[in-house]
């Protein structure tokens, strides 16, 4: 899929401005910061959740050995 870079940039600019307007933020944040809040932070939380679930569901074989 080939995307027009100017179109993508315009979409990002409109999207970040819209997110700040919806959030009723009186102080305008830089676009890079807003994009990090929108995309990166939720993905980091999902990664933490997946890691926690993986640790919970996949147990160590060392803990399950019987000491006979």
C-alpha atoms as a PDB file:
ATOM      1  CA  UNK A   1       0.000   0.000   0.000  1.00  0.00           C
ATOM      2  CA  UNK A   2       1.446   3.331  -1.058  1.00  0.00           C
ATOM      3  CA  UNK A   3       0.394   6.410   0.880  1.00  0.00           C
ATOM      4  CA  UNK A   4       0.864  10.022  -0.049  1.00  0.00           C
ATOM      5  CA  UNK A   5       3.170  11.488   2.620  1.00  0.00           C
ATOM      6  CA  UNK A   6       1.524  14.917   2.475  1.00  0.00           C
ATOM      7  CA  UNK A   7      -1.885  13.357   2.981  1.00  0.00           C
ATOM      8  CA  UNK A   8      -0.611  11.332   5.944  1.00  0.00           C
ATOM      9  CA  UNK A   9       0.974  14.430   7.476  1.00  0.00           C
ATOM     10  CA  UNK A  10      -2.208  16.444   7.032  1.00  0.00           C
ATOM     11  CA  UNK A  11      -4.244  13.656   8.610  1.00  0.00           C
ATOM     12  CA  UNK A  12      -1.870  13.478  11.577  1.00  0.00           C
ATOM     13  CA  UNK A  13      -2.037  17.232  12.078  1.00  0.00           C
ATOM     14  CA  UNK A  14      -5.827  17.277  11.980  1.00  0.00           C
ATOM     15  CA  UNK A  15      -6.047  14.242  14.242  1.00  0.00           C
ATOM     16  CA  UNK A  16      -3.746  15.686  16.913  1.00  0.00           C
ATOM     17  CA  UNK A  17      -5.561  19.012  16.873  1.00  0.00           C
ATOM     18  CA  UNK A  18      -8.891  17.221  17.182  1.00  0.00           C
ATOM     19  CA  UNK A  19      -7.671  15.069  20.108  1.00  0.00           C
ATOM     20  CA  UNK A  20      -6.484  18.179  21.954  1.00  0.00           C
ATOM     21  CA  UNK A  21      -9.791  19.906  21.282  1.00  0.00           C
ATOM     22  CA  UNK A  22     -11.791  16.898  22.522  1.00  0.00           C
ATOM     23  CA  UNK A  23      -9.629  16.696  25.655  1.00  0.00           C
ATOM     24  CA  UNK A  24     -10.377  20.392  26.384  1.00  0.00           C
ATOM     25  CA  UNK A  25      -6.678  20.943  26.873  1.00  0.00           C
ATOM     26  CA  UNK A  26      -6.101  24.690  27.404  1.00  0.00           C
ATOM     27  CA  UNK A  27      -2.382  24.327  26.643  1.00  0.00           C
ATOM     28  CA  UNK A  28      -1.484  22.993  23.220  1.00  0.00           C
ATOM     29  CA  UNK A  29       1.012  20.145  23.347  1.00  0.00           C
ATOM     30  CA  UNK A  30       3.475  19.368  20.579  1.00  0.00           C
ATOM     31  CA  UNK A  31       2.106  16.938  18.013  1.00  0.00           C
ATOM     32  CA  UNK A  32       4.772  14.343  18.788  1.00  0.00           C
ATOM     33  CA  UNK A  33       3.699  14.316  22.451  1.00  0.00           C
ATOM     34  CA  UNK A  34       0.030  13.930  21.560  1.00  0.00           C
ATOM     35  CA  UNK A  35       0.810  11.063  19.185  1.00  0.00           C
ATOM     36  CA  UNK A  36       2.839   9.359  21.911  1.00  0.00           C
ATOM     37  CA  UNK A  37      -0.123   9.666  24.292  1.00  0.00           C
ATOM     38  CA  UNK A  38      -2.570   8.336  21.716  1.00  0.00           C
ATOM     39  CA  UNK A  39      -0.574   5.397  20.367  1.00  0.00           C
ATOM     40  CA  UNK A  40       2.519   4.505  22.377  1.00  0.00           C
ATOM     41  CA  UNK A  41       1.194   4.599  25.934  1.00  0.00           C
ATOM     42  CA  UNK A  42      -1.793   2.284  25.266  1.00  0.00           C
ATOM     43  CA  UNK A  43       0.498  -0.127  23.396  1.00  0.00           C
ATOM     44  CA  UNK A  44       2.921  -0.153  26.322  1.00  0.00           C
ATOM     45  CA  UNK A  45       0.067  -0.985  28.664  1.00  0.00           C
ATOM     46  CA  UNK A  46      -1.059  -3.803  26.371  1.00  0.00           C
ATOM     47  CA  UNK A  47       2.493  -5.155  26.359  1.00  0.00           C
ATOM     48  CA  UNK A  48       2.547  -5.112  30.160  1.00  0.00           C
ATOM     49  CA  UNK A  49      -0.797  -6.901  30.278  1.00  0.00           C
ATOM     50  CA  UNK A  50       0.372  -9.552  27.829  1.00  0.00           C
ATOM     51  CA  UNK A  51       3.575 -10.036  29.808  1.00  0.00           C
ATOM     52  CA  UNK A  52       1.645 -10.397  33.063  1.00  0.00           C
ATOM     53  CA  UNK A  53      -0.790 -12.879  31.547  1.00  0.00           C
ATOM     54  CA  UNK A  54       2.094 -14.816  30.062  1.00  0.00           C
ATOM     55  CA  UNK A  55       3.807 -14.983  33.440  1.00  0.00           C
ATOM     56  CA  UNK A  56       0.572 -16.060  35.107  1.00  0.00           C
ATOM     57  CA  UNK A  57      -0.390 -18.722  32.581  1.00  0.00           C
ATOM     58  CA  UNK A  58       3.061 -20.118  31.805  1.00  0.00           C
ATOM     59  CA  UNK A  59       4.544 -21.371  35.042  1.00  0.00           C
ATOM     60  CA  UNK A  60       8.167 -22.314  35.689  1.00  0.00           C
ATOM     61  CA  UNK A  61       9.014 -25.976  35.515  1.00  0.00           C
ATOM     62  CA  UNK A  62      11.482 -25.483  38.389  1.00  0.00           C
ATOM     63  CA  UNK A  63       8.675 -24.671  40.807  1.00  0.00           C
ATOM     64  CA  UNK A  64       6.750 -27.810  39.942  1.00  0.00           C
ATOM     65  CA  UNK A  65       9.484 -30.368  40.589  1.00  0.00           C
ATOM     66  CA  UNK A  66       8.802 -32.704  43.457  1.00  0.00           C
ATOM     67  CA  UNK A  67      11.445 -33.025  46.128  1.00  0.00           C
ATOM     68  CA  UNK A  68      11.135 -36.736  46.872  1.00  0.00           C
END
